[in-house]
Protein backbone atom coordinates (compact mmCIF):
# COMPACT_ATOMS: atom_id res chain seq x y z
CA MET A 1 11.13 -16.87 18.47
CA ASN A 2 9.54 -14.85 20.89
CA ILE A 3 8.44 -11.42 18.88
CA SER A 4 5.65 -9.94 21.65
CA TYR A 5 8.02 -7.68 22.57
CA HIS A 6 8.57 -6.08 19.35
CA LEU A 7 4.62 -5.87 19.21
CA ASP A 8 4.80 -1.98 21.00
CA ASP A 9 6.61 -0.80 17.51
CA PRO A 10 4.47 0.17 15.34
CA ILE A 11 6.86 -0.38 12.14
CA ILE A 12 7.47 -4.14 13.23
CA ARG A 13 4.15 -4.67 13.86
CA ASN A 14 3.22 -3.62 10.83
CA SER A 15 5.28 -5.71 8.37
CA ILE A 16 4.27 -8.34 10.95
CA ASN A 17 0.54 -7.31 9.70
CA LYS A 18 1.29 -7.66 6.08
CA LEU A 19 3.73 -10.33 6.18
CA ASN A 20 0.93 -12.14 7.69
CA GLU A 21 -1.71 -11.13 5.31
CA GLU A 22 1.15 -12.15 2.40
CA LEU A 23 1.08 -15.48 4.41
CA GLN A 24 -2.67 -16.42 4.02
CA LEU A 25 -2.37 -16.54 -0.06
CA ALA A 26 1.16 -18.18 0.36
CA MET A 27 1.97 -22.05 -1.66
CA ILE A 28 4.79 -24.32 -0.60
CA CYS A 29 6.87 -24.91 -3.98
CA GLU A 30 10.03 -25.26 -5.42
CA ASP A 31 12.37 -22.90 -6.21
CA THR A 32 12.28 -24.55 -10.04
CA GLU A 33 8.50 -23.51 -10.24
CA ILE A 34 8.77 -19.93 -9.75
CA PRO A 35 10.01 -17.51 -12.47
CA ALA A 36 13.16 -15.61 -12.22
CA ASP A 37 12.70 -12.50 -12.15
CA VAL A 38 10.12 -13.34 -9.18
CA VAL A 39 11.26 -11.70 -5.48
CA ARG A 40 12.08 -13.95 -2.79
CA PHE A 41 14.65 -14.90 0.32
CA ASN A 42 18.15 -13.95 -1.10
CA SER A 43 16.97 -12.13 -4.22
CA LYS A 44 18.67 -9.12 -5.33
CA VAL A 45 16.33 -6.51 -6.30
CA THR A 46 16.54 -2.96 -8.17
CA ILE A 47 13.89 -0.67 -7.55
CA ASP A 48 12.66 3.31 -8.79
CA SER A 49 10.97 5.30 -6.18
CA ASP A 50 10.20 8.68 -5.18
CA THR A 51 13.87 8.82 -3.44
CA GLY A 52 15.65 7.25 -6.26
CA THR A 53 16.79 3.84 -7.38
CA GLN A 54 18.18 1.21 -4.75
CA GLU A 55 19.55 -1.88 -5.20
CA PHE A 56 19.26 -4.33 -2.07
CA PHE A 57 19.45 -8.33 -1.04
CA ILE A 58 16.13 -9.95 0.65
CA VAL A 59 16.99 -11.43 3.32
CA PRO A 60 16.12 -13.41 6.65
CA PRO A 61 15.47 -10.64 9.71
CA ALA A 62 18.63 -12.19 11.71
CA LYS A 63 20.83 -11.15 8.18
CA ASN A 64 19.56 -7.28 8.14
CA ASP A 65 22.43 -5.07 7.70
CA LEU A 66 21.22 -1.34 5.75
CA LEU A 67 25.09 -0.53 5.92
CA ARG A 68 25.47 -4.01 3.24
CA LYS A 69 22.16 -3.53 1.59
CA ARG A 70 20.75 -6.26 2.68
CA ILE A 71 16.67 -5.85 3.55
CA SER A 72 14.93 -8.49 5.93
CA VAL A 73 12.03 -10.22 4.39
CA MET A 74 9.91 -8.75 7.79
CA SER A 75 10.24 -4.81 7.12
CA SER A 76 7.78 -3.15 5.69
CA LEU A 77 9.67 -2.89 2.13
CA GLY A 78 11.29 -6.38 2.47
CA ALA A 79 7.36 -7.60 3.17
CA ALA A 80 5.53 -6.35 0.17
CA LEU A 81 8.06 -7.17 -1.97
CA ILE A 82 7.75 -10.83 -1.77
CA GLY A 83 6.61 -12.46 -4.41
CA CYS A 84 6.09 -9.42 -6.67
CA SER A 85 8.52 -9.66 -10.59
CA GLU A 86 10.12 -7.05 -12.26
CA GLY A 87 7.63 -4.90 -13.52
CA ASP A 88 5.12 -4.71 -10.89
CA ARG A 89 4.22 -1.38 -9.25
CA ILE A 90 3.52 -0.73 -5.64
CA GLU A 91 2.88 1.38 -3.09
CA GLY A 92 2.51 1.78 0.66
CA ASP A 93 3.74 3.07 4.12
CA PHE A 94 7.92 2.11 3.78
CA ASN A 95 10.69 3.22 5.86
CA ASN A 96 10.79 6.31 4.22
CA GLY A 97 6.73 7.26 4.24
CA PHE A 98 4.85 6.92 1.28
CA GLU A 99 5.90 5.83 -1.69
CA LYS A 100 5.44 4.18 -4.94
CA ILE A 101 7.94 1.81 -5.85
CA CYS A 102 8.63 0.27 -9.28
CA ILE A 103 10.45 -3.37 -9.40
CA LYS A 104 13.17 -2.77 -12.24
CA LYS A 105 15.45 -5.56 -11.44
CA VAL A 106 14.86 -8.84 -10.03
CA LEU A 107 18.34 -11.35 -9.62
CA GLN A 108 18.55 -14.80 -7.40
CA TYR A 109 21.94 -15.40 -5.93
CA ASP A 110 21.13 -18.38 -3.45
CA ASP A 111 24.50 -19.99 -4.62
CA ALA A 112 26.37 -16.57 -3.54
CA ILE A 113 24.57 -16.74 -0.21
CA ASP A 114 24.92 -20.72 0.45
CA SER A 115 28.84 -20.20 0.09
CA GLY A 116 28.40 -17.14 1.97
CA VAL A 117 29.64 -14.49 0.04
CA LEU A 118 26.14 -12.29 1.17
CA TYR A 119 26.89 -13.19 4.54
């Protein structure tokens, strides 16, 4: 995937940098080894932030669709949430500017996504 033309966009560049930082710390493991409340691809996440409560899915970049509540893992918010779990608090410069976020609920929807329900 050639992403060089995206690097001119500071939001995308920031998201890529954050994701790269996370990848440096990443461990490869089976889904069964990850607690159910940890955010990963295809997780349904409920957060509380300065702008209210939001609910969305973390998806691959090609499936990003804000109208359908699909947030790309490459977005600044998506990259920051990966690996977090219920009760975690994060803060950062996300799509709406600087926000403080609390992760309220994380659900896994692998079966629904695999069957095409979410896409």
